[in-house]
Structures are given as C-alpha cells and as structure tokens.
PDB file of N, CA and C in Angstrom:
ATOM      1  N   UNK A   1      49.928  83.989 112.417  1.00  0.00           N
ATOM      2  CA  UNK A   1      49.247  84.692 111.349  1.00  0.00           C
ATOM      3  C   UNK A   1      48.018  85.384 111.927  1.00  0.00           C
ATOM      4  N   UNK A   2      47.746  86.554 111.423  1.00  0.00           N
ATOM      5  CA  UNK A   2      46.592  87.319 111.870  1.00  0.00           C
ATOM      6  C   UNK A   2      45.312  86.713 111.307  1.00  0.00           C
ATOM      7  N   UNK A   3      44.258  86.792 112.079  1.00  0.00           N
ATOM      8  CA  UNK A   3      42.980  86.233 111.627  1.00  0.00           C
ATOM      9  C   UNK A   3      42.431  87.047 110.450  1.00  0.00           C
ATOM     10  N   UNK A   4      41.585  86.409 109.697  1.00  0.00           N
ATOM     11  CA  UNK A   4      40.963  87.087 108.548  1.00  0.00           C
ATOM     12  C   UNK A   4      40.145  88.284 109.001  1.00  0.00           C
ATOM     13  N   UNK A   5      39.547  88.164 110.176  1.00  0.00           N
ATOM     14  CA  UNK A   5      38.732  89.269 110.702  1.00  0.00           C
ATOM     15  C   UNK A   5      39.590  90.494 111.001  1.00  0.00           C
ATOM     16  N   UNK A   6      40.762  90.259 111.582  1.00  0.00           N
ATOM     17  CA  UNK A   6      41.647  91.384 111.902  1.00  0.00           C
ATOM     18  C   UNK A   6      42.188  92.034 110.635  1.00  0.00           C
ATOM     19  N   UNK A   7      42.536  91.223 109.655  1.00  0.00           N
ATOM     20  CA  UNK A   7      43.031  91.773 108.389  1.00  0.00           C
ATOM     21  C   UNK A   7      41.919  92.563 107.701  1.00  0.00           C
ATOM     22  N   UNK A   8      40.713  92.038 107.734  1.00  0.00           N
ATOM     23  CA  UNK A   8      39.574  92.752 107.148  1.00  0.00           C
ATOM     24  C   UNK A   8      39.353  94.083 107.860  1.00  0.00           C
ATOM     25  N   UNK A   9      39.527  94.085 109.181  1.00  0.00           N
ATOM     26  CA  UNK A   9      39.347  95.324 109.952  1.00  0.00           C
ATOM     27  C   UNK A   9      40.439  96.333 109.605  1.00  0.00           C
ATOM     28  N   UNK A  10      41.677  95.877 109.456  1.00  0.00           N
ATOM     29  CA  UNK A  10      42.772  96.765 109.033  1.00  0.00           C
ATOM     30  C   UNK A  10      42.419  97.401 107.698  1.00  0.00           C
ATOM     31  N   UNK A  11      41.950  96.584 106.764  1.00  0.00           N
ATOM     32  CA  UNK A  11      41.601  97.096 105.435  1.00  0.00           C
ATOM     33  C   UNK A  11      40.430  98.062 105.486  1.00  0.00           C
ATOM     34  N   UNK A  12      39.427  97.761 106.323  1.00  0.00           N
ATOM     35  CA  UNK A  12      38.268  98.643 106.437  1.00  0.00           C
ATOM     36  C   UNK A  12      38.668  99.993 107.013  1.00  0.00           C
ATOM     37  N   UNK A  13      39.520  99.976 108.035  1.00  0.00           N
ATOM     38  CA  UNK A  13      39.971 101.238 108.626  1.00  0.00           C
ATOM     39  C   UNK A  13      40.830 102.023 107.649  1.00  0.00           C
ATOM     40  N   UNK A  14      41.650 101.336 106.889  1.00  0.00           N
ATOM     41  CA  UNK A  14      42.482 102.001 105.894  1.00  0.00           C
ATOM     42  C   UNK A  14      41.617 102.658 104.818  1.00  0.00           C
ATOM     43  N   UNK A  15      40.624 101.926 104.353  1.00  0.00           N
ATOM     44  CA  UNK A  15      39.722 102.457 103.332  1.00  0.00           C
ATOM     45  C   UNK A  15      38.967 103.680 103.867  1.00  0.00           C
ATOM     46  N   UNK A  16      38.481 103.580 105.109  1.00  0.00           N
ATOM     47  CA  UNK A  16      37.755 104.693 105.699  1.00  0.00           C
ATOM     48  C   UNK A  16      38.652 105.917 105.851  1.00  0.00           C
ATOM     49  N   UNK A  17      39.916 105.694 106.231  1.00  0.00           N
ATOM     50  CA  UNK A  17      40.831 106.815 106.446  1.00  0.00           C
ATOM     51  C   UNK A  17      41.131 107.573 105.159  1.00  0.00           C
ATOM     52  N   UNK A  18      40.918 106.932 104.026  1.00  0.00           N
ATOM     53  CA  UNK A  18      41.153 107.587 102.736  1.00  0.00           C
ATOM     54  C   UNK A  18      39.983 108.475 102.330  1.00  0.00           C
ATOM     55  N   UNK A  19      38.804 108.198 102.872  1.00  0.00           N
ATOM     56  CA  UNK A  19      37.625 108.975 102.486  1.00  0.00           C
ATOM     57  C   UNK A  19      37.156 109.930 103.570  1.00  0.00           C
ATOM     58  N   UNK A  20      37.484 109.630 104.828  1.00  0.00           N
ATOM     59  CA  UNK A  20      37.102 110.517 105.928  1.00  0.00           C
ATOM     60  C   UNK A  20      38.086 110.327 107.079  1.00  0.00           C
ATOM     61  N   UNK A  21      37.961 111.178 108.064  1.00  0.00           N
ATOM     62  CA  UNK A  21      38.867 111.099 109.200  1.00  0.00           C
ATOM     63  C   UNK A  21      38.405 110.020 110.180  1.00  0.00           C
ATOM     64  N   UNK A  22      39.363 109.264 110.684  1.00  0.00           N
ATOM     65  CA  UNK A  22      39.051 108.244 111.682  1.00  0.00           C
ATOM     66  C   UNK A  22      38.823 108.914 113.036  1.00  0.00           C
ATOM     67  N   UNK A  23      37.975 108.303 113.838  1.00  0.00           N
ATOM     68  CA  UNK A  23      37.813 108.790 115.202  1.00  0.00           C
ATOM     69  C   UNK A  23      39.092 108.456 115.965  1.00  0.00           C
ATOM     70  N   UNK A  24      39.248 109.059 117.123  1.00  0.00           N
ATOM     71  CA  UNK A  24      40.437 108.791 117.929  1.00  0.00           C
ATOM     72  C   UNK A  24      40.516 107.305 118.284  1.00  0.00           C
ATOM     73  N   UNK A  25      39.387 106.701 118.644  1.00  0.00           N
ATOM     74  CA  UNK A  25      39.347 105.278 118.988  1.00  0.00           C
ATOM     75  C   UNK A  25      39.715 104.415 117.777  1.00  0.00           C
ATOM     76  N   UNK A  26      39.225 104.784 116.605  1.00  0.00           N
ATOM     77  CA  UNK A  26      39.549 104.021 115.390  1.00  0.00           C
ATOM     78  C   UNK A  26      41.025 104.159 115.039  1.00  0.00           C
ATOM     79  N   UNK A  27      41.585 105.346 115.223  1.00  0.00           N
ATOM     80  CA  UNK A  27      43.006 105.562 114.928  1.00  0.00           C
ATOM     81  C   UNK A  27      43.871 104.716 115.858  1.00  0.00           C
ATOM     82  N   UNK A  28      43.487 104.647 117.123  1.00  0.00           N
ATOM     83  CA  UNK A  28      44.222 103.818 118.082  1.00  0.00           C
ATOM     84  C   UNK A  28      44.103 102.347 117.701  1.00  0.00           C
ATOM     85  N   UNK A  29      42.884 101.926 117.366  1.00  0.00           N
ATOM     86  CA  UNK A  29      42.658 100.535 116.953  1.00  0.00           C
ATOM     87  C   UNK A  29      43.491 100.205 115.714  1.00  0.00           C
ATOM     88  N   UNK A  30      43.511 101.119 114.752  1.00  0.00           N
ATOM     89  CA  UNK A  30      44.270 100.906 113.528  1.00  0.00           C
ATOM     90  C   UNK A  30      45.758 100.737 113.839  1.00  0.00           C
ATOM     91  N   UNK A  31      46.298 101.595 114.690  1.00  0.00           N
ATOM     92  CA  UNK A  31      47.711 101.496 115.047  1.00  0.00           C
ATOM     93  C   UNK A  31      48.007 100.176 115.742  1.00  0.00           C
ATOM     94  N   UNK A  32      47.150  99.774 116.677  1.00  0.00           N
ATOM     95  CA  UNK A  32      47.357  98.513 117.389  1.00  0.00           C
ATOM     96  C   UNK A  32      47.306  97.320 116.437  1.00  0.00           C
ATOM     97  N   UNK A  33      46.346  97.332 115.521  1.00  0.00           N
ATOM     98  CA  UNK A  33      46.230  96.238 114.555  1.00  0.00           C
ATOM     99  C   UNK A  33      47.436  96.202 113.618  1.00  0.00           C
ATOM    100  N   UNK A  34      47.877  97.364 113.159  1.00  0.00           N
ATOM    101  CA  UNK A  34      49.053  97.415 112.284  1.00  0.00           C
ATOM    102  C   UNK A  34      50.298  96.930 113.014  1.00  0.00           C
ATOM    103  N   UNK A  35      50.453  97.348 114.270  1.00  0.00           N
ATOM    104  CA  UNK A  35      51.602  96.906 115.055  1.00  0.00           C
ATOM    105  C   UNK A  35      51.589  95.388 115.228  1.00  0.00           C
ATOM    106  N   UNK A  36      50.410  94.832 115.511  1.00  0.00           N
ATOM    107  CA  UNK A  36      50.286  93.384 115.653  1.00  0.00           C
ATOM    108  C   UNK A  36      50.619  92.684 114.338  1.00  0.00           C
ATOM    109  N   UNK A  37      50.147  93.249 113.228  1.00  0.00           N
ATOM    110  CA  UNK A  37      50.429  92.674 111.906  1.00  0.00           C
ATOM    111  C   UNK A  37      51.934  92.671 111.646  1.00  0.00           C
ATOM    112  N   UNK A  38      52.594  93.778 111.940  1.00  0.00           N
ATOM    113  CA  UNK A  38      54.037  93.878 111.697  1.00  0.00           C
ATOM    114  C   UNK A  38      54.802  92.893 112.574  1.00  0.00           C
ATOM    115  N   UNK A  39      54.421  92.770 113.852  1.00  0.00           N
ATOM    116  CA  UNK A  39      55.081  91.802 114.736  1.00  0.00           C
ATOM    117  C   UNK A  39      54.920  90.380 114.198  1.00  0.00           C
ATOM    118  N   UNK A  40      53.722  90.057 113.761  1.00  0.00           N
ATOM    119  CA  UNK A  40      53.450  88.720 113.221  1.00  0.00           C
ATOM    120  C   UNK A  40      54.260  88.468 111.957  1.00  0.00           C
ATOM    121  N   UNK A  41      54.308  89.466 111.086  1.00  0.00           N
ATOM    122  CA  UNK A  41      55.063  89.344 109.835  1.00  0.00           C
ATOM    123  C   UNK A  41      56.547  89.143 110.121  1.00  0.00           C
ATOM    124  N   UNK A  42      57.104  89.964 111.000  1.00  0.00           N
ATOM    125  CA  UNK A  42      58.529  89.847 111.335  1.00  0.00           C
ATOM    126  C   UNK A  42      58.849  88.487 111.944  1.00  0.00           C
ATOM    127  N   UNK A  43      57.981  88.011 112.799  1.00  0.00           N
ATOM    128  CA  UNK A  43      58.183  86.706 113.413  1.00  0.00           C
ATOM    129  C   UNK A  43      58.186  85.606 112.356  1.00  0.00           C
ATOM    130  N   UNK A  44      57.293  85.712 111.411  1.00  0.00           N
ATOM    131  CA  UNK A  44      57.211  84.733 110.331  1.00  0.00           C
ATOM    132  C   UNK A  44      58.491  84.734 109.491  1.00  0.00           C
ATOM    133  N   UNK A  45      58.982  85.920 109.171  1.00  0.00           N
ATOM    134  CA  UNK A  45      60.222  86.029 108.382  1.00  0.00           C
ATOM    135  C   UNK A  45      61.394  85.467 109.182  1.00  0.00           C
ATOM    136  N   UNK A  46      61.447  85.789 110.459  1.00  0.00           N
ATOM    137  CA  UNK A  46      62.522  85.293 111.310  1.00  0.00           C
ATOM    138  C   UNK A  46      62.498  83.766 111.376  1.00  0.00           C
ATOM    139  N   UNK A  47      61.330  83.182 111.543  1.00  0.00           N
ATOM    140  CA  UNK A  47      61.217  81.720 111.574  1.00  0.00           C
ATOM    141  C   UNK A  47      61.657  81.099 110.264  1.00  0.00           C
ATOM    142  N   UNK A  48      61.326  81.741 109.155  1.00  0.00           N
ATOM    143  CA  UNK A  48      61.751  81.250 107.846  1.00  0.00           C
ATOM    144  C   UNK A  48      63.267  81.294 107.718  1.00  0.00           C
ATOM    145  N   UNK A  49      63.869  82.412 108.156  1.00  0.00           N
ATOM    146  CA  UNK A  49      65.316  82.542 108.052  1.00  0.00           C
ATOM    147  C   UNK A  49      66.054  81.500 108.900  1.00  0.00           C
ATOM    148  N   UNK A  50      65.455  81.105 110.008  1.00  0.00           N
ATOM    149  CA  UNK A  50      66.109  80.118 110.855  1.00  0.00           C
ATOM    150  C   UNK A  50      66.114  78.721 110.221  1.00  0.00           C
ATOM    151  N   UNK A  51      65.377  78.548 109.154  1.00  0.00           N
ATOM    152  CA  UNK A  51      65.389  77.247 108.481  1.00  0.00           C
ATOM    153  C   UNK A  51      66.202  77.282 107.182  1.00  0.00           C
ATOM    154  N   UNK A  52      66.881  78.412 106.945  1.00  0.00           N
ATOM    155  CA  UNK A  52      67.635  78.591 105.699  1.00  0.00           C
ATOM    156  C   UNK A  52      69.104  78.236 105.905  1.00  0.00           C
ATOM    157  N   UNK A  53      69.666  77.540 104.931  1.00  0.00           N
ATOM    158  CA  UNK A  53      71.101  77.309 104.862  1.00  0.00           C
ATOM    159  C   UNK A  53      71.558  77.845 103.511  1.00  0.00           C
ATOM    160  N   UNK A  54      72.575  78.698 103.535  1.00  0.00           N
ATOM    161  CA  UNK A  54      73.071  79.324 102.304  1.00  0.00           C
ATOM    162  C   UNK A  54      74.232  78.490 101.775  1.00  0.00           C
ATOM    163  N   UNK A  55      74.127  78.106 100.510  1.00  0.00           N
ATOM    164  CA  UNK A  55      75.158  77.288  99.878  1.00  0.00           C
ATOM    165  C   UNK A  55      75.754  78.061  98.696  1.00  0.00           C
ATOM    166  N   UNK A  56      77.074  77.935  98.503  1.00  0.00           N
ATOM    167  CA  UNK A  56      77.704  78.543  97.333  1.00  0.00           C
ATOM    168  C   UNK A  56      77.601  77.566  96.154  1.00  0.00           C
ATOM    169  N   UNK A  57      78.010  77.980  94.965  1.00  0.00           N
ATOM    170  CA  UNK A  57      77.877  77.101  93.790  1.00  0.00           C
ATOM    171  C   UNK A  57      78.606  75.757  93.914  1.00  0.00           C
ATOM    172  N   UNK A  58      79.641  75.689  94.771  1.00  0.00           N
ATOM    173  CA  UNK A  58      80.377  74.432  94.949  1.00  0.00           C
ATOM    174  C   UNK A  58      79.732  73.532  96.003  1.00  0.00           C
ATOM    175  N   UNK A  59      78.696  73.995  96.637  1.00  0.00           N
ATOM    176  CA  UNK A  59      78.007  73.191  97.629  1.00  0.00           C
ATOM    177  C   UNK A  59      78.489  73.395  99.061  1.00  0.00           C
ATOM    178  N   UNK A  60      79.308  74.420  99.270  1.00  0.00           N
ATOM    179  CA  UNK A  60      79.805  74.713 100.620  1.00  0.00           C
ATOM    180  C   UNK A  60      78.792  75.554 101.382  1.00  0.00           C
ATOM    181  N   UNK A  61      78.678  75.260 102.661  1.00  0.00           N
ATOM    182  CA  UNK A  61      77.786  76.027 103.530  1.00  0.00           C
ATOM    183  C   UNK A  61      78.430  77.386 103.811  1.00  0.00           C
ATOM    184  N   UNK A  62      77.798  78.455 103.333  1.00  0.00           N
ATOM    185  CA  UNK A  62      78.303  79.815 103.545  1.00  0.00           C
ATOM    186  C   UNK A  62      77.280  80.655 104.307  1.00  0.00           C
ATOM    187  N   UNK A  63      76.498  79.979 105.136  1.00  0.00           N
ATOM    188  CA  UNK A  63      75.509  80.663 105.953  1.00  0.00           C
ATOM    189  C   UNK A  63      76.238  81.651 106.866  1.00  0.00           C
ATOM    190  N   UNK A  64      75.777  82.900 106.933  1.00  0.00           N
ATOM    191  CA  UNK A  64      76.437  83.884 107.806  1.00  0.00           C
ATOM    192  C   UNK A  64      76.513  83.383 109.251  1.00  0.00           C
ATOM    193  N   UNK A  65      77.639  83.669 109.905  1.00  0.00           N
ATOM    194  CA  UNK A  65      77.860  83.213 111.277  1.00  0.00           C
ATOM    195  C   UNK A  65      76.765  83.692 112.220  1.00  0.00           C
ATOM    196  N   UNK A  66      76.311  84.904 112.042  1.00  0.00           N
ATOM    197  CA  UNK A  66      75.276  85.431 112.937  1.00  0.00           C
ATOM    198  C   UNK A  66      74.002  84.587 112.843  1.00  0.00           C
ATOM    199  N   UNK A  67      73.636  84.163 111.637  1.00  0.00           N
ATOM    200  CA  UNK A  67      72.460  83.319 111.465  1.00  0.00           C
ATOM    201  C   UNK A  67      72.686  81.939 112.084  1.00  0.00           C
ATOM    202  N   UNK A  68      73.890  81.400 111.917  1.00  0.00           N
ATOM    203  CA  UNK A  68      74.215  80.109 112.530  1.00  0.00           C
ATOM    204  C   UNK A  68      74.102  80.192 114.051  1.00  0.00           C
ATOM    205  N   UNK A  69      74.597  81.297 114.617  1.00  0.00           N
ATOM    206  CA  UNK A  69      74.541  81.474 116.071  1.00  0.00           C
ATOM    207  C   UNK A  69      73.092  81.510 116.567  1.00  0.00           C
ATOM    208  N   UNK A  70      72.231  82.233 115.858  1.00  0.00           N
ATOM    209  CA  UNK A  70      70.835  82.320 116.307  1.00  0.00           C
ATOM    210  C   UNK A  70      70.150  80.966 116.150  1.00  0.00           C
ATOM    211  N   UNK A  71      70.498  80.207 115.129  1.00  0.00           N
ATOM    212  CA  UNK A  71      69.938  78.862 114.961  1.00  0.00           C
ATOM    213  C   UNK A  71      70.344  77.988 116.134  1.00  0.00           C
ATOM    214  N   UNK A  72      71.617  78.051 116.512  1.00  0.00           N
ATOM    215  CA  UNK A  72      72.136  77.242 117.629  1.00  0.00           C
ATOM    216  C   UNK A  72      71.475  77.659 118.937  1.00  0.00           C
ATOM    217  N   UNK A  73      71.247  78.939 119.135  1.00  0.00           N
ATOM    218  CA  UNK A  73      70.603  79.420 120.356  1.00  0.00           C
ATOM    219  C   UNK A  73      69.172  78.916 120.462  1.00  0.00           C
ATOM    220  N   UNK A  74      68.510  78.752 119.348  1.00  0.00           N
ATOM    221  CA  UNK A  74      67.139  78.249 119.356  1.00  0.00           C
ATOM    222  C   UNK A  74      67.083  76.769 119.730  1.00  0.00           C
ATOM    223  N   UNK A  75      68.119  76.037 119.363  1.00  0.00           N
ATOM    224  CA  UNK A  75      68.144  74.600 119.645  1.00  0.00           C
ATOM    225  C   UNK A  75      68.349  74.326 121.129  1.00  0.00           C
ATOM    226  N   UNK A  76      69.018  75.248 121.815  1.00  0.00           N
ATOM    227  CA  UNK A  76      69.333  75.024 123.242  1.00  0.00           C
ATOM    228  C   UNK A  76      68.295  75.544 124.141  1.00  0.00           C
TER     229      UNK A  76
END
C-alpha cells in the first residue's frame, strides 16, 4: 500500500494540474507516483484473487483453471 504522504502528494499534484500547469519535474513526479499507485493496486487485486475459490450453487469448485494454475505456481 502506498504511504499517506505519497497519496497526499498525488492528490496535491492533481489539484494543482486542474488550476495551473505543472512544471516538467512535477509532471514527471506525478507520472511516477501514479505508476507506483497502479502497480500497488494491481498487486493487491492479484493477491486477493489468489485467495478466491469460486463455488457454484451446488457447492462445486468452479474456479477457472487459469486461476488454479497461478495459485499452484505460487505454492511452489
């Protein structure tokens, strides 16, 4: 998870970009922070999905094979 300071900085740069133009350094910083945020978010979603088992109404495991394979790869 991104630190509160980094999230606050993302928000501050976003707010500034709506009222005035960012400097080149600020634009680069904003892109780097956004990229880091997206990587962190995707990783979090991926970790959540690896703990999911999909069940049908009868109680059968219908987890997609691709997800099962990635779960097994993580265990090894």
